Amino acid sequence: MKNMTRILTLSNGYHIWTHTSNLGGKTKLLCLHGGPGDTHEVFERFGPELAALDIEVTMYDQLGSWYSDTPDWKDSAIRNKFLNEDYYLSEVDEVRQLLGYDHCYLAGHSWGGMLAMTYAASHQANLDGLIIISMIDNIADYLKRMKAIREAEFSPAENAFMLTVEKRQEWDNPHYRQLITHLYHQYINRRQPSPMQHQVDIQAKPVYNHFQGDNEFVVYGVLDDWDFSEQLATIQLPTLLMFADHETMPLATAERMEQRMPNAKLVVTPDSGHNHMVDNPDVFFTYLRNYFSDQLTDSTH
């Protein structure tokens, strides 16, 4: 099936990189990457894996990320205008419309899952279904999980050291970086070396640092009090909740989400971290294809 890379010009004048696989597929899927400030890469296999189901898959790099335009983040007016959740939600809607997707499925991973569930709650008429990958509905539970992970992995002395470094924001401390790297290898990408490799770090640090902080195991950014748990039950769409058994997101919260959402199903990828589509693709994509097969079969009856 045909693939296409397109540059979309947004109404604000910035340009967004998109790539569509299986162009012309009857069913449309729009994918939102994580970070904030990461890239489309975790979705690169989605097109080939879903081709047999005639699903057109579009992924894109959000504003500030690798292949898309990067504003001048040193300009405070630009930061205030674009470095907020409302902007990135509006970007989802504009990208969807520019692609001509009157109706589509929406998939979001991590930060993208946050955007996906928030967008879905107010745009259900435009969506056929929702796929939330490794994102819970509030940050407080995430922070409890981070504390538990660190206590399980490191001694009390090492945990005290990490807290001291973080309080002083001495993020480049060599021993601190060594401990954080260990956590990434255990809970983010368990397959080592990770298949996702570049010659340089392509994460958009100004975006990531603003929203999250220095790394996945702290939240010092503006998302530290984010909470969507009360609105979650308003989402009526058939929803697939995809989590891993050895990742940063607490499974207990994912199970509660499944109970609170009217049409949600939780699946768990074994022996995988936060990027389980990379760690264990055979299981991950089996779950994803099963979801679409069930939805597409139901829609024909």
C-alpha atoms as a PDB file:
ATOM      1  CA  MET A   1       0.000   0.000   0.000  1.00  0.00           C
ATOM      2  CA  LYS A   2       1.119   3.553  -0.679  1.00  0.00           C
ATOM      3  CA  ASN A   3       2.884   5.668   1.943  1.00  0.00           C
ATOM      4  CA  MET A   4       3.170   9.441   1.945  1.00  0.00           C
ATOM      5  CA  THR A   5       5.093  12.076   3.875  1.00  0.00           C
ATOM      6  CA  ARG A   6       3.431  15.481   4.002  1.00  0.00           C
ATOM      7  CA  ILE A   7       4.239  18.836   5.595  1.00  0.00           C
ATOM      8  CA  LEU A   8       1.105  20.485   6.948  1.00  0.00           C
ATOM      9  CA  THR A   9       0.964  24.263   7.367  1.00  0.00           C
ATOM     10  CA  LEU A  10      -0.979  25.197  10.491  1.00  0.00           C
ATOM     11  CA  SER A  11      -3.064  28.360  10.804  1.00  0.00           C
ATOM     12  CA  ASN A  12      -0.349  29.769  13.092  1.00  0.00           C
ATOM     13  CA  GLY A  13       2.158  29.538  10.227  1.00  0.00           C
ATOM     14  CA  TYR A  14       4.257  26.692  11.643  1.00  0.00           C
ATOM     15  CA  HIS A  15       4.813  23.466   9.735  1.00  0.00           C
ATOM     16  CA  ILE A  16       4.094  19.947  10.996  1.00  0.00           C
ATOM     17  CA  TRP A  17       5.738  16.794   9.605  1.00  0.00           C
ATOM     18  CA  THR A  18       3.374  13.867   9.016  1.00  0.00           C
ATOM     19  CA  HIS A  19       3.767  10.383   7.597  1.00  0.00           C
ATOM     20  CA  THR A  20       0.866   8.251   6.435  1.00  0.00           C
ATOM     21  CA  SER A  21       1.071   4.490   5.856  1.00  0.00           C
ATOM     22  CA  ASN A  22      -1.481   2.464   3.874  1.00  0.00           C
ATOM     23  CA  LEU A  23      -2.801   5.590   2.162  1.00  0.00           C
ATOM     24  CA  GLY A  24      -6.415   5.099   1.132  1.00  0.00           C
ATOM     25  CA  GLY A  25      -7.177   2.554   3.843  1.00  0.00           C
ATOM     26  CA  LYS A  26     -10.857   2.533   4.748  1.00  0.00           C
ATOM     27  CA  THR A  27     -10.262   2.988   8.489  1.00  0.00           C
ATOM     28  CA  LYS A  28      -8.229   5.979   9.709  1.00  0.00           C
ATOM     29  CA  LEU A  29      -5.903   6.035  12.733  1.00  0.00           C
ATOM     30  CA  LEU A  30      -4.174   9.170  14.020  1.00  0.00           C
ATOM     31  CA  CYS A  31      -1.251   8.677  16.435  1.00  0.00           C
ATOM     32  CA  LEU A  32      -0.024  11.090  19.116  1.00  0.00           C
ATOM     33  CA  HIS A  33       3.517  10.638  20.391  1.00  0.00           C
ATOM     34  CA  GLY A  34       4.787  11.044  23.926  1.00  0.00           C
ATOM     35  CA  GLY A  35       7.335  13.155  25.680  1.00  0.00           C
ATOM     36  CA  PRO A  36       6.289  15.917  25.550  1.00  0.00           C
ATOM     37  CA  GLY A  37       8.932  16.622  22.957  1.00  0.00           C
ATOM     38  CA  ASP A  38       9.569  13.071  21.784  1.00  0.00           C
ATOM     39  CA  THR A  39       8.818  11.931  18.215  1.00  0.00           C
ATOM     40  CA  HIS A  40       6.676   9.699  16.037  1.00  0.00           C
ATOM     41  CA  GLU A  41       9.189   6.823  16.148  1.00  0.00           C
ATOM     42  CA  VAL A  42       7.299   4.495  18.487  1.00  0.00           C
ATOM     43  CA  PHE A  43       4.518   4.377  15.875  1.00  0.00           C
ATOM     44  CA  GLU A  44       6.708   3.414  12.898  1.00  0.00           C
ATOM     45  CA  ARG A  45       5.541  -0.229  12.904  1.00  0.00           C
ATOM     46  CA  PHE A  46       1.851   0.589  13.229  1.00  0.00           C
ATOM     47  CA  GLY A  47       1.302   0.968   9.475  1.00  0.00           C
ATOM     48  CA  PRO A  48       2.872  -2.362   8.437  1.00  0.00           C
ATOM     49  CA  GLU A  49       1.306  -4.202  11.372  1.00  0.00           C
ATOM     50  CA  LEU A  50      -2.204  -2.916  10.536  1.00  0.00           C
ATOM     51  CA  ALA A  51      -1.989  -3.024   6.727  1.00  0.00           C
ATOM     52  CA  ALA A  52      -3.924  -6.287   6.396  1.00  0.00           C
ATOM     53  CA  LEU A  53      -6.868  -4.654   8.175  1.00  0.00           C
ATOM     54  CA  ASP A  54      -6.959  -1.811   5.613  1.00  0.00           C
ATOM     55  CA  ILE A  55      -6.119   0.830   8.217  1.00  0.00           C
ATOM     56  CA  GLU A  56      -4.566   4.124   7.134  1.00  0.00           C
ATOM     57  CA  VAL A  57      -2.135   5.202   9.870  1.00  0.00           C
ATOM     58  CA  THR A  58      -0.858   8.761  10.262  1.00  0.00           C
ATOM     59  CA  MET A  59       1.797   9.784  12.748  1.00  0.00           C
ATOM     60  CA  TYR A  60       3.255  13.250  13.153  1.00  0.00           C
ATOM     61  CA  ASP A  61       5.819  15.206  15.126  1.00  0.00           C
ATOM     62  CA  GLN A  62       4.197  17.785  17.362  1.00  0.00           C
ATOM     63  CA  LEU A  63       5.271  21.431  17.322  1.00  0.00           C
ATOM     64  CA  GLY A  64       8.815  21.694  18.627  1.00  0.00           C
ATOM     65  CA  SER A  65       9.630  18.052  17.920  1.00  0.00           C
ATOM     66  CA  TRP A  66      12.265  16.624  15.568  1.00  0.00           C
ATOM     67  CA  TYR A  67      10.934  16.962  12.003  1.00  0.00           C
ATOM     68  CA  SER A  68       8.387  19.721  12.682  1.00  0.00           C
ATOM     69  CA  ASP A  69       9.047  23.415  13.191  1.00  0.00           C
ATOM     70  CA  THR A  70      10.619  24.561  16.447  1.00  0.00           C
ATOM     71  CA  PRO A  71       9.518  28.007  17.679  1.00  0.00           C
ATOM     72  CA  ASP A  72      11.930  30.326  19.454  1.00  0.00           C
ATOM     73  CA  TRP A  73      11.405  28.996  22.973  1.00  0.00           C
ATOM     74  CA  LYS A  74      13.604  31.791  24.364  1.00  0.00           C
ATOM     75  CA  ASP A  75      10.787  34.213  23.554  1.00  0.00           C
ATOM     76  CA  SER A  76       8.507  34.341  26.608  1.00  0.00           C
ATOM     77  CA  ALA A  77       5.474  35.340  24.526  1.00  0.00           C
ATOM     78  CA  ILE A  78       5.943  32.277  22.301  1.00  0.00           C
ATOM     79  CA  ARG A  79       6.434  30.009  25.308  1.00  0.00           C
ATOM     80  CA  ASN A  80       3.248  31.301  26.918  1.00  0.00           C
ATOM     81  CA  LYS A  81       1.274  30.855  23.708  1.00  0.00           C
ATOM     82  CA  PHE A  82       2.404  27.366  22.725  1.00  0.00           C
ATOM     83  CA  LEU A  83       3.880  25.535  25.722  1.00  0.00           C
ATOM     84  CA  ASN A  84       0.571  24.498  27.261  1.00  0.00           C
ATOM     85  CA  GLU A  85      -1.859  21.621  27.009  1.00  0.00           C
ATOM     86  CA  ASP A  86      -4.562  23.710  25.311  1.00  0.00           C
ATOM     87  CA  TYR A  87      -2.273  24.493  22.390  1.00  0.00           C
ATOM     88  CA  TYR A  88      -1.351  20.855  21.786  1.00  0.00           C
ATOM     89  CA  LEU A  89      -5.021  19.836  21.974  1.00  0.00           C
ATOM     90  CA  SER A  90      -5.866  22.456  19.357  1.00  0.00           C
ATOM     91  CA  GLU A  91      -3.005  21.108  17.248  1.00  0.00           C
ATOM     92  CA  VAL A  92      -4.517  17.608  17.349  1.00  0.00           C
ATOM     93  CA  ASP A  93      -7.796  19.002  16.054  1.00  0.00           C
ATOM     94  CA  GLU A  94      -6.189  21.040  13.285  1.00  0.00           C
ATOM     95  CA  VAL A  95      -3.999  18.149  12.123  1.00  0.00           C
ATOM     96  CA  ARG A  96      -7.036  15.852  12.061  1.00  0.00           C
ATOM     97  CA  GLN A  97      -8.979  18.324   9.935  1.00  0.00           C
ATOM     98  CA  LEU A  98      -6.076  19.039   7.569  1.00  0.00           C
ATOM     99  CA  LEU A  99      -5.753  15.293   6.978  1.00  0.00           C
ATOM    100  CA  GLY A 100      -9.454  15.167   6.079  1.00  0.00           C
ATOM    101  CA  TYR A 101     -10.275  12.785   8.926  1.00  0.00           C
ATOM    102  CA  ASP A 102     -13.922  13.542   9.680  1.00  0.00           C
ATOM    103  CA  HIS A 103     -13.950  10.291  11.645  1.00  0.00           C
ATOM    104  CA  CYS A 104     -10.923   8.381  12.883  1.00  0.00           C
ATOM    105  CA  TYR A 105      -9.492   6.304  15.665  1.00  0.00           C
ATOM    106  CA  LEU A 106      -7.100   8.127  17.981  1.00  0.00           C
ATOM    107  CA  ALA A 107      -4.062   6.526  19.630  1.00  0.00           C
ATOM    108  CA  GLY A 108      -1.845   8.258  22.157  1.00  0.00           C
ATOM    109  CA  HIS A 109       1.260   7.056  23.963  1.00  0.00           C
ATOM    110  CA  SER A 110       2.296   8.533  27.341  1.00  0.00           C
ATOM    111  CA  TRP A 111       1.908  12.336  26.973  1.00  0.00           C
ATOM    112  CA  GLY A 112       0.091  11.532  23.735  1.00  0.00           C
ATOM    113  CA  GLY A 113      -2.297   9.380  25.781  1.00  0.00           C
ATOM    114  CA  MET A 114      -2.988  12.375  27.995  1.00  0.00           C
ATOM    115  CA  LEU A 115      -3.810  14.436  24.917  1.00  0.00           C
ATOM    116  CA  ALA A 116      -5.857  11.596  23.429  1.00  0.00           C
ATOM    117  CA  MET A 117      -8.156  11.080  26.403  1.00  0.00           C
ATOM    118  CA  THR A 118      -8.631  14.816  26.932  1.00  0.00           C
ATOM    119  CA  TYR A 119      -9.335  15.402  23.236  1.00  0.00           C
ATOM    120  CA  ALA A 120     -11.665  12.402  23.045  1.00  0.00           C
ATOM    121  CA  ALA A 121     -13.843  13.660  25.887  1.00  0.00           C
ATOM    122  CA  SER A 122     -14.807  16.769  23.897  1.00  0.00           C
ATOM    123  CA  HIS A 123     -14.665  15.385  20.331  1.00  0.00           C
ATOM    124  CA  GLN A 124     -16.441  12.050  20.534  1.00  0.00           C
ATOM    125  CA  ALA A 125     -18.496  12.814  17.435  1.00  0.00           C
ATOM    126  CA  ASN A 126     -15.280  12.840  15.362  1.00  0.00           C
ATOM    127  CA  LEU A 127     -13.821   9.620  16.765  1.00  0.00           C
ATOM    128  CA  ASP A 128     -14.607   5.958  16.170  1.00  0.00           C
ATOM    129  CA  GLY A 129     -12.487   4.672  19.022  1.00  0.00           C
ATOM    130  CA  LEU A 130      -9.668   5.463  21.425  1.00  0.00           C
ATOM    131  CA  ILE A 131      -6.376   3.722  22.221  1.00  0.00           C
ATOM    132  CA  ILE A 132      -4.558   4.900  25.343  1.00  0.00           C
ATOM    133  CA  ILE A 133      -1.042   3.495  25.577  1.00  0.00           C
ATOM    134  CA  SER A 134       0.761   3.701  28.915  1.00  0.00           C
ATOM    135  CA  MET A 135      -0.923   6.795  30.320  1.00  0.00           C
ATOM    136  CA  ILE A 136      -3.062   7.075  33.435  1.00  0.00           C
ATOM    137  CA  ASP A 137      -5.609   9.767  34.244  1.00  0.00           C
ATOM    138  CA  ASN A 138      -3.683  11.670  36.932  1.00  0.00           C
ATOM    139  CA  ILE A 139      -0.118  12.567  37.877  1.00  0.00           C
ATOM    140  CA  ALA A 140      -0.472  11.989  41.620  1.00  0.00           C
ATOM    141  CA  ASP A 141      -0.685   8.209  41.121  1.00  0.00           C
ATOM    142  CA  TYR A 142       2.273   8.378  38.744  1.00  0.00           C
ATOM    143  CA  LEU A 143       4.375  10.114  41.396  1.00  0.00           C
ATOM    144  CA  LYS A 144       3.485   7.410  43.948  1.00  0.00           C
ATOM    145  CA  ARG A 145       4.617   4.811  41.433  1.00  0.00           C
ATOM    146  CA  MET A 146       7.901   6.673  40.890  1.00  0.00           C
ATOM    147  CA  LYS A 147       8.563   6.675  44.637  1.00  0.00           C
ATOM    148  CA  ALA A 148       7.829   2.946  44.874  1.00  0.00           C
ATOM    149  CA  ILE A 149      10.094   2.130  41.916  1.00  0.00           C
ATOM    150  CA  ARG A 150      12.986   4.101  43.336  1.00  0.00           C
ATOM    151  CA  GLU A 151      12.615   2.518  46.765  1.00  0.00           C
ATOM    152  CA  ALA A 152      12.554  -0.945  45.196  1.00  0.00           C
ATOM    153  CA  GLU A 153      15.586  -0.361  42.983  1.00  0.00           C
ATOM    154  CA  PHE A 154      17.910   1.628  45.251  1.00  0.00           C
ATOM    155  CA  SER A 155      19.096   1.716  48.841  1.00  0.00           C
ATOM    156  CA  PRO A 156      17.856   4.375  51.289  1.00  0.00           C
ATOM    157  CA  ALA A 157      21.227   6.116  50.936  1.00  0.00           C
ATOM    158  CA  GLU A 158      20.983   6.233  47.142  1.00  0.00           C
ATOM    159  CA  ASN A 159      17.419   7.527  47.325  1.00  0.00           C
ATOM    160  CA  ALA A 160      18.514  10.264  49.703  1.00  0.00           C
ATOM    161  CA  PHE A 161      21.332  11.163  47.325  1.00  0.00           C
ATOM    162  CA  MET A 162      18.909  11.390  44.385  1.00  0.00           C
ATOM    163  CA  LEU A 163      16.561  13.668  46.320  1.00  0.00           C
ATOM    164  CA  THR A 164      19.482  15.947  47.222  1.00  0.00           C
ATOM    165  CA  VAL A 165      20.565  16.192  43.581  1.00  0.00           C
ATOM    166  CA  GLU A 166      17.007  16.893  42.446  1.00  0.00           C
ATOM    167  CA  LYS A 167      16.439  19.554  45.094  1.00  0.00           C
ATOM    168  CA  ARG A 168      19.559  21.363  43.910  1.00  0.00           C
ATOM    169  CA  GLN A 169      18.683  20.603  40.240  1.00  0.00           C
ATOM    170  CA  GLU A 170      22.189  19.287  39.624  1.00  0.00           C
ATOM    171  CA  TRP A 171      20.927  17.100  36.809  1.00  0.00           C
ATOM    172  CA  ASP A 172      24.344  16.449  35.264  1.00  0.00           C
ATOM    173  CA  ASN A 173      25.765  14.754  38.356  1.00  0.00           C
ATOM    174  CA  PRO A 174      27.494  11.603  36.988  1.00  0.00           C
ATOM    175  CA  HIS A 175      26.257   9.187  39.660  1.00  0.00           C
ATOM    176  CA  TYR A 176      22.711  10.536  39.412  1.00  0.00           C
ATOM    177  CA  ARG A 177      22.762  10.008  35.639  1.00  0.00           C
ATOM    178  CA  GLN A 178      23.986   6.448  36.197  1.00  0.00           C
ATOM    179  CA  LEU A 179      21.026   5.711  38.493  1.00  0.00           C
ATOM    180  CA  ILE A 180      18.534   7.277  36.077  1.00  0.00           C
ATOM    181  CA  THR A 181      19.981   5.256  33.186  1.00  0.00           C
ATOM    182  CA  HIS A 182      19.407   2.099  35.217  1.00  0.00           C
ATOM    183  CA  LEU A 183      15.749   3.058  35.695  1.00  0.00           C
ATOM    184  CA  TYR A 184      15.316   3.769  31.979  1.00  0.00           C
ATOM    185  CA  HIS A 185      16.706   0.331  31.119  1.00  0.00           C
ATOM    186  CA  GLN A 186      14.353  -1.340  33.586  1.00  0.00           C
ATOM    187  CA  TYR A 187      11.122   0.608  33.075  1.00  0.00           C
ATOM    188  CA  ILE A 188      11.221   2.522  29.748  1.00  0.00           C
ATOM    189  CA  ASN A 189      13.108   0.437  27.164  1.00  0.00           C
ATOM    190  CA  ARG A 190      13.818  -3.036  28.554  1.00  0.00           C
ATOM    191  CA  ARG A 191      15.246  -4.232  25.240  1.00  0.00           C
ATOM    192  CA  GLN A 192      18.889  -3.212  25.278  1.00  0.00           C
ATOM    193  CA  PRO A 193      20.333  -1.838  23.193  1.00  0.00           C
ATOM    194  CA  SER A 194      17.079  -0.176  22.243  1.00  0.00           C
ATOM    195  CA  PRO A 195      16.172  -0.467  18.527  1.00  0.00           C
ATOM    196  CA  MET A 196      15.452   3.280  18.541  1.00  0.00           C
ATOM    197  CA  GLN A 197      18.874   4.791  18.009  1.00  0.00           C
ATOM    198  CA  HIS A 198      20.154   8.102  16.618  1.00  0.00           C
ATOM    199  CA  GLN A 199      23.583   9.666  16.504  1.00  0.00           C
ATOM    200  CA  VAL A 200      22.322  12.536  18.674  1.00  0.00           C
ATOM    201  CA  ASP A 201      19.595  12.978  21.262  1.00  0.00           C
ATOM    202  CA  ILE A 202      16.558  14.104  19.263  1.00  0.00           C
ATOM    203  CA  GLN A 203      14.228  14.862  22.172  1.00  0.00           C
ATOM    204  CA  ALA A 204      13.012  18.473  22.258  1.00  0.00           C
ATOM    205  CA  LYS A 205      14.465  19.334  25.662  1.00  0.00           C
ATOM    206  CA  PRO A 206      12.796  22.757  26.105  1.00  0.00           C
ATOM    207  CA  VAL A 207       9.370  21.157  25.595  1.00  0.00           C
ATOM    208  CA  TYR A 208      10.108  18.111  27.751  1.00  0.00           C
ATOM    209  CA  ASN A 209      11.700  20.101  30.558  1.00  0.00           C
ATOM    210  CA  HIS A 210       8.820  22.597  30.636  1.00  0.00           C
ATOM    211  CA  PHE A 211       6.103  19.966  30.994  1.00  0.00           C
ATOM    212  CA  GLN A 212       7.864  17.046  32.724  1.00  0.00           C
ATOM    213  CA  GLY A 213      11.271  17.952  34.102  1.00  0.00           C
ATOM    214  CA  ASP A 214      14.705  16.398  33.657  1.00  0.00           C
ATOM    215  CA  ASN A 215      13.669  12.753  33.253  1.00  0.00           C
ATOM    216  CA  GLU A 216      10.773  10.271  33.445  1.00  0.00           C
ATOM    217  CA  PHE A 217      11.262   9.644  37.157  1.00  0.00           C
ATOM    218  CA  VAL A 218      10.536  13.169  38.357  1.00  0.00           C
ATOM    219  CA  VAL A 219       7.797  15.670  37.558  1.00  0.00           C
ATOM    220  CA  TYR A 220       9.069  19.202  38.140  1.00  0.00           C
ATOM    221  CA  GLY A 221       7.217  20.704  35.185  1.00  0.00           C
ATOM    222  CA  VAL A 222       3.757  22.194  34.761  1.00  0.00           C
ATOM    223  CA  LEU A 223       2.084  18.773  34.555  1.00  0.00           C
ATOM    224  CA  ASP A 224       2.759  18.069  38.225  1.00  0.00           C
ATOM    225  CA  ASP A 225      -0.895  18.548  39.218  1.00  0.00           C
ATOM    226  CA  TRP A 226      -2.628  17.250  36.074  1.00  0.00           C
ATOM    227  CA  ASP A 227      -5.775  15.235  36.861  1.00  0.00           C
ATOM    228  CA  PHE A 228      -8.415  14.018  34.386  1.00  0.00           C
ATOM    229  CA  SER A 229      -9.927  11.270  36.556  1.00  0.00           C
ATOM    230  CA  GLU A 230     -13.283  12.971  37.093  1.00  0.00           C
ATOM    231  CA  GLN A 231     -13.903  13.477  33.361  1.00  0.00           C
ATOM    232  CA  LEU A 232     -12.758  10.009  32.296  1.00  0.00           C
ATOM    233  CA  ALA A 233     -16.155   8.365  32.667  1.00  0.00           C
ATOM    234  CA  THR A 234     -17.672  10.750  30.106  1.00  0.00           C
ATOM    235  CA  ILE A 235     -15.791   8.988  27.293  1.00  0.00           C
ATOM    236  CA  GLN A 236     -18.256   6.575  25.678  1.00  0.00           C
ATOM    237  CA  LEU A 237     -15.962   5.437  22.864  1.00  0.00           C
ATOM    238  CA  PRO A 238     -14.723   1.847  22.605  1.00  0.00           C
ATOM    239  CA  THR A 239     -11.381   2.247  24.333  1.00  0.00           C
ATOM    240  CA  LEU A 240      -8.336  -0.003  24.458  1.00  0.00           C
ATOM    241  CA  LEU A 241      -6.093   0.604  27.474  1.00  0.00           C
ATOM    242  CA  MET A 242      -2.620  -0.757  26.698  1.00  0.00           C
ATOM    243  CA  PHE A 243      -0.098  -1.041  29.532  1.00  0.00           C
ATOM    244  CA  ALA A 244       3.000  -3.121  30.294  1.00  0.00           C
ATOM    245  CA  ASP A 245       3.803  -5.240  33.312  1.00  0.00           C
ATOM    246  CA  HIS A 246       7.128  -3.564  34.153  1.00  0.00           C
ATOM    247  CA  GLU A 247       6.677   0.085  33.344  1.00  0.00           C
ATOM    248  CA  THR A 248       6.395   3.514  34.891  1.00  0.00           C
ATOM    249  CA  MET A 249       2.595   3.682  34.970  1.00  0.00           C
ATOM    250  CA  PRO A 250       0.772   1.983  37.883  1.00  0.00           C
ATOM    251  CA  LEU A 251      -1.381  -0.936  36.760  1.00  0.00           C
ATOM    252  CA  ALA A 252      -3.738  -0.436  39.709  1.00  0.00           C
ATOM    253  CA  THR A 253      -4.741   2.934  38.238  1.00  0.00           C
ATOM    254  CA  ALA A 254      -5.139   1.386  34.786  1.00  0.00           C
ATOM    255  CA  GLU A 255      -7.497  -1.206  36.290  1.00  0.00           C
ATOM    256  CA  ARG A 256      -9.544   1.550  37.925  1.00  0.00           C
ATOM    257  CA  MET A 257      -9.709   3.372  34.589  1.00  0.00           C
ATOM    258  CA  GLU A 258     -11.093   0.227  32.951  1.00  0.00           C
ATOM    259  CA  GLN A 259     -13.832   0.086  35.575  1.00  0.00           C
ATOM    260  CA  ARG A 260     -14.734   3.765  35.300  1.00  0.00           C
ATOM    261  CA  MET A 261     -14.876   3.976  31.518  1.00  0.00           C
ATOM    262  CA  PRO A 262     -18.121   2.581  30.049  1.00  0.00           C
ATOM    263  CA  ASN A 263     -16.524   0.804  27.064  1.00  0.00           C
ATOM    264  CA  ALA A 264     -12.901   0.182  28.016  1.00  0.00           C
ATOM    265  CA  LYS A 265     -10.772  -2.960  27.948  1.00  0.00           C
ATOM    266  CA  LEU A 266      -7.363  -3.255  29.597  1.00  0.00           C
ATOM    267  CA  VAL A 267      -4.576  -5.392  28.126  1.00  0.00           C
ATOM    268  CA  VAL A 268      -1.088  -5.842  29.604  1.00  0.00           C
ATOM    269  CA  THR A 269       2.033  -6.597  27.581  1.00  0.00           C
ATOM    270  CA  PRO A 270       4.385  -8.952  29.471  1.00  0.00           C
ATOM    271  CA  ASP A 271       8.108  -8.411  30.107  1.00  0.00           C
ATOM    272  CA  SER A 272       7.947  -4.856  28.810  1.00  0.00           C
ATOM    273  CA  GLY A 273       8.607  -1.298  29.846  1.00  0.00           C
ATOM    274  CA  HIS A 274       6.896   1.969  28.970  1.00  0.00           C
ATOM    275  CA  ASN A 275       7.670   1.541  25.247  1.00  0.00           C
ATOM    276  CA  HIS A 276       6.144  -1.922  24.998  1.00  0.00           C
ATOM    277  CA  MET A 277       5.464  -1.651  21.278  1.00  0.00           C
ATOM    278  CA  VAL A 278       9.278  -1.792  21.021  1.00  0.00           C
ATOM    279  CA  ASP A 279      10.030  -4.170  23.910  1.00  0.00           C
ATOM    280  CA  ASN A 280       7.528  -6.877  22.963  1.00  0.00           C
ATOM    281  CA  PRO A 281       5.973  -6.088  19.579  1.00  0.00           C
ATOM    282  CA  ASP A 282       4.590  -9.597  18.965  1.00  0.00           C
ATOM    283  CA  VAL A 283       2.233  -9.348  21.937  1.00  0.00           C
ATOM    284  CA  PHE A 284       1.569  -5.618  21.651  1.00  0.00           C
ATOM    285  CA  PHE A 285       0.458  -5.736  18.020  1.00  0.00           C
ATOM    286  CA  THR A 286      -1.591  -8.879  18.564  1.00  0.00           C
ATOM    287  CA  TYR A 287      -3.625  -6.953  21.134  1.00  0.00           C
ATOM    288  CA  LEU A 288      -3.890  -3.945  18.797  1.00  0.00           C
ATOM    289  CA  ARG A 289      -5.014  -6.008  15.792  1.00  0.00           C
ATOM    290  CA  ASN A 290      -7.559  -7.843  17.939  1.00  0.00           C
ATOM    291  CA  TYR A 291      -9.064  -4.534  19.040  1.00  0.00           C
ATOM    292  CA  PHE A 292      -9.454  -3.308  15.463  1.00  0.00           C
ATOM    293  CA  SER A 293     -10.720  -6.678  14.239  1.00  0.00           C
ATOM    294  CA  ASP A 294     -13.426  -6.635  16.903  1.00  0.00           C
ATOM    295  CA  GLN A 295     -14.394  -3.027  16.173  1.00  0.00           C
ATOM    296  CA  LEU A 296     -14.475  -3.466  12.408  1.00  0.00           C
ATOM    297  CA  THR A 297     -16.459  -6.706  12.684  1.00  0.00           C
ATOM    298  CA  ASP A 298     -19.026  -5.022  14.969  1.00  0.00           C
ATOM    299  CA  SER A 299     -19.378  -2.080  12.563  1.00  0.00           C
ATOM    300  CA  THR A 300     -20.434  -4.409   9.731  1.00  0.00           C
ATOM    301  CA  HIS A 301     -23.370  -5.851  11.677  1.00  0.00           C
END
